[in-house]
Amino acid sequence: EVISFSEADYEGVRLPHDDPVVVTLLVELFTMKRILIDSGSSVEILYKHAFDQLRIPADQLKPIKTPLVGFMGEMVHPLGSIDLSVVAGTAPCQTQVQITFLVI
């Protein structure tokens, strides 16, 4: 299906802009708001606080030995990875995918 935007969708947006894309998605049957979409990122990150709110036992995390390195060279060691179901859209126009997140 075609996704298009009308003039009404630009209300309140100052052009030109380089704002990040922020969406709301259903993750493991929980509505997660303010998800930042960064097409330049090489991993999907889930912060520990959000992971805890999903009430998934920590023993479900798969070990990760490789640290993440940020743009400034700082290293972060993930707590592990986990595959989660993510639903975007509303019926009848929706899709469900499995995404592997690194929990930090």
C-alpha atoms as a PDB file:
ATOM      1  CA  GLU A   1       0.000   0.000   0.000  1.00  0.00           C
ATOM      2  CA  VAL A   2       1.022   3.553  -0.636  1.00  0.00           C
ATOM      3  CA  ILE A   3       1.893   5.661   2.392  1.00  0.00           C
ATOM      4  CA  SER A   4       1.351   9.343   1.723  1.00  0.00           C
ATOM      5  CA  PHE A   5       1.127  12.568   3.684  1.00  0.00           C
ATOM      6  CA  SER A   6      -1.148  15.549   3.203  1.00  0.00           C
ATOM      7  CA  GLU A   7      -0.626  19.214   4.043  1.00  0.00           C
ATOM      8  CA  ALA A   8      -2.468  18.561   7.336  1.00  0.00           C
ATOM      9  CA  ASP A   9       0.342  16.188   8.369  1.00  0.00           C
ATOM     10  CA  TYR A  10       2.833  19.061   8.176  1.00  0.00           C
ATOM     11  CA  GLU A  11       0.935  21.166  10.698  1.00  0.00           C
ATOM     12  CA  GLY A  12       3.398  22.460  13.277  1.00  0.00           C
ATOM     13  CA  VAL A  13       6.458  21.239  11.351  1.00  0.00           C
ATOM     14  CA  ARG A  14       9.032  23.863  10.410  1.00  0.00           C
ATOM     15  CA  LEU A  15      10.576  23.068   7.049  1.00  0.00           C
ATOM     16  CA  PRO A  16      13.210  22.102   6.215  1.00  0.00           C
ATOM     17  CA  HIS A  17      13.679  19.766   9.164  1.00  0.00           C
ATOM     18  CA  ASP A  18      15.863  16.872  10.238  1.00  0.00           C
ATOM     19  CA  ASP A  19      13.783  15.678  13.171  1.00  0.00           C
ATOM     20  CA  PRO A  20      14.133  12.042  14.227  1.00  0.00           C
ATOM     21  CA  VAL A  21      11.285   9.643  13.544  1.00  0.00           C
ATOM     22  CA  VAL A  22       9.563   8.614  16.770  1.00  0.00           C
ATOM     23  CA  VAL A  23       6.754   6.031  16.744  1.00  0.00           C
ATOM     24  CA  THR A  24       4.565   3.938  19.015  1.00  0.00           C
ATOM     25  CA  LEU A  25       4.707   0.145  18.542  1.00  0.00           C
ATOM     26  CA  LEU A  26       3.310  -2.953  20.210  1.00  0.00           C
ATOM     27  CA  VAL A  27       6.221  -4.963  21.658  1.00  0.00           C
ATOM     28  CA  GLU A  28       5.342  -8.323  23.226  1.00  0.00           C
ATOM     29  CA  LEU A  29       1.733  -7.085  23.656  1.00  0.00           C
ATOM     30  CA  PHE A  30       2.853  -3.921  25.477  1.00  0.00           C
ATOM     31  CA  THR A  31       2.434  -0.499  23.888  1.00  0.00           C
ATOM     32  CA  MET A  32       5.816   1.214  23.767  1.00  0.00           C
ATOM     33  CA  LYS A  33       5.742   4.929  23.088  1.00  0.00           C
ATOM     34  CA  ARG A  34       8.553   7.218  21.951  1.00  0.00           C
ATOM     35  CA  ILE A  35      10.527   4.609  20.004  1.00  0.00           C
ATOM     36  CA  LEU A  36      13.305   6.358  18.119  1.00  0.00           C
ATOM     37  CA  ILE A  37      13.866   5.092  14.593  1.00  0.00           C
ATOM     38  CA  ASP A  38      17.488   5.633  13.600  1.00  0.00           C
ATOM     39  CA  SER A  39      18.179   4.174  10.180  1.00  0.00           C
ATOM     40  CA  GLY A  40      21.905   4.765  10.699  1.00  0.00           C
ATOM     41  CA  SER A  41      22.116   2.465  13.718  1.00  0.00           C
ATOM     42  CA  SER A  42      23.603  -1.004  13.327  1.00  0.00           C
ATOM     43  CA  VAL A  43      21.686  -2.556  16.258  1.00  0.00           C
ATOM     44  CA  GLU A  44      18.257  -2.468  17.866  1.00  0.00           C
ATOM     45  CA  ILE A  45      18.629  -1.266  21.467  1.00  0.00           C
ATOM     46  CA  LEU A  46      16.232  -1.856  24.355  1.00  0.00           C
ATOM     47  CA  TYR A  47      17.097  -0.105  27.592  1.00  0.00           C
ATOM     48  CA  LYS A  48      17.069  -2.209  30.776  1.00  0.00           C
ATOM     49  CA  HIS A  49      14.301  -0.099  32.318  1.00  0.00           C
ATOM     50  CA  ALA A  50      11.986  -0.836  29.365  1.00  0.00           C
ATOM     51  CA  PHE A  51      13.022  -4.518  29.385  1.00  0.00           C
ATOM     52  CA  ASP A  52      12.114  -4.762  33.082  1.00  0.00           C
ATOM     53  CA  GLN A  53       8.676  -3.283  32.399  1.00  0.00           C
ATOM     54  CA  LEU A  54       8.002  -6.065  29.868  1.00  0.00           C
ATOM     55  CA  ARG A  55       8.299  -8.497  32.818  1.00  0.00           C
ATOM     56  CA  ILE A  56      10.420 -10.944  30.858  1.00  0.00           C
ATOM     57  CA  PRO A  57      12.715 -12.998  33.100  1.00  0.00           C
ATOM     58  CA  ALA A  58      16.364 -11.958  32.738  1.00  0.00           C
ATOM     59  CA  ASP A  59      17.336 -15.604  32.201  1.00  0.00           C
ATOM     60  CA  GLN A  60      15.679 -15.331  28.755  1.00  0.00           C
ATOM     61  CA  LEU A  61      18.528 -13.045  27.622  1.00  0.00           C
ATOM     62  CA  LYS A  62      21.126 -14.652  25.367  1.00  0.00           C
ATOM     63  CA  PRO A  63      24.717 -13.778  26.313  1.00  0.00           C
ATOM     64  CA  ILE A  64      26.536 -11.153  24.240  1.00  0.00           C
ATOM     65  CA  LYS A  65      30.305 -10.842  24.579  1.00  0.00           C
ATOM     66  CA  THR A  66      30.934  -7.995  22.132  1.00  0.00           C
ATOM     67  CA  PRO A  67      30.628  -4.436  23.498  1.00  0.00           C
ATOM     68  CA  LEU A  68      28.875  -1.634  21.613  1.00  0.00           C
ATOM     69  CA  VAL A  69      31.080   1.274  20.632  1.00  0.00           C
ATOM     70  CA  GLY A  70      29.504   4.724  20.317  1.00  0.00           C
ATOM     71  CA  PHE A  71      30.471   7.592  18.027  1.00  0.00           C
ATOM     72  CA  MET A  72      32.749   9.062  20.685  1.00  0.00           C
ATOM     73  CA  GLY A  73      34.517   5.727  21.266  1.00  0.00           C
ATOM     74  CA  GLU A  74      32.749   4.897  24.533  1.00  0.00           C
ATOM     75  CA  MET A  75      32.030   1.205  25.146  1.00  0.00           C
ATOM     76  CA  VAL A  76      28.827  -0.266  26.565  1.00  0.00           C
ATOM     77  CA  HIS A  77      28.529  -3.944  27.466  1.00  0.00           C
ATOM     78  CA  PRO A  78      25.023  -5.279  26.692  1.00  0.00           C
ATOM     79  CA  LEU A  79      23.302  -7.411  29.315  1.00  0.00           C
ATOM     80  CA  GLY A  80      22.296  -9.777  26.498  1.00  0.00           C
ATOM     81  CA  SER A  81      20.065 -10.103  23.450  1.00  0.00           C
ATOM     82  CA  ILE A  82      16.452 -11.157  23.067  1.00  0.00           C
ATOM     83  CA  ASP A  83      14.060 -11.763  20.168  1.00  0.00           C
ATOM     84  CA  LEU A  84      10.759  -9.915  20.626  1.00  0.00           C
ATOM     85  CA  SER A  85       7.568  -9.714  18.605  1.00  0.00           C
ATOM     86  CA  VAL A  86       6.878  -6.192  17.298  1.00  0.00           C
ATOM     87  CA  VAL A  87       3.589  -5.110  15.701  1.00  0.00           C
ATOM     88  CA  ALA A  88       3.346  -1.919  13.645  1.00  0.00           C
ATOM     89  CA  GLY A  89       0.109  -0.396  12.395  1.00  0.00           C
ATOM     90  CA  THR A  90      -3.511  -1.223  13.098  1.00  0.00           C
ATOM     91  CA  ALA A  91      -5.729  -3.860  11.536  1.00  0.00           C
ATOM     92  CA  PRO A  92      -6.250  -4.385   8.682  1.00  0.00           C
ATOM     93  CA  CYS A  93      -2.993  -2.573   7.785  1.00  0.00           C
ATOM     94  CA  GLN A  94      -0.448  -3.970  10.181  1.00  0.00           C
ATOM     95  CA  THR A  95       2.625  -6.139  10.199  1.00  0.00           C
ATOM     96  CA  GLN A  96       4.278  -8.309  12.847  1.00  0.00           C
ATOM     97  CA  VAL A  97       8.007  -9.088  12.879  1.00  0.00           C
ATOM     98  CA  GLN A  98      10.547 -10.651  15.223  1.00  0.00           C
ATOM     99  CA  ILE A  99      13.355  -8.264  16.109  1.00  0.00           C
ATOM    100  CA  THR A 100      16.541  -9.062  18.012  1.00  0.00           C
ATOM    101  CA  PHE A 101      17.225  -6.357  20.620  1.00  0.00           C
ATOM    102  CA  LEU A 102      20.377  -5.788  22.634  1.00  0.00           C
ATOM    103  CA  VAL A 103      19.447  -4.935  26.224  1.00  0.00           C
ATOM    104  CA  ILE A 104      21.656  -2.256  27.777  1.00  0.00           C
END
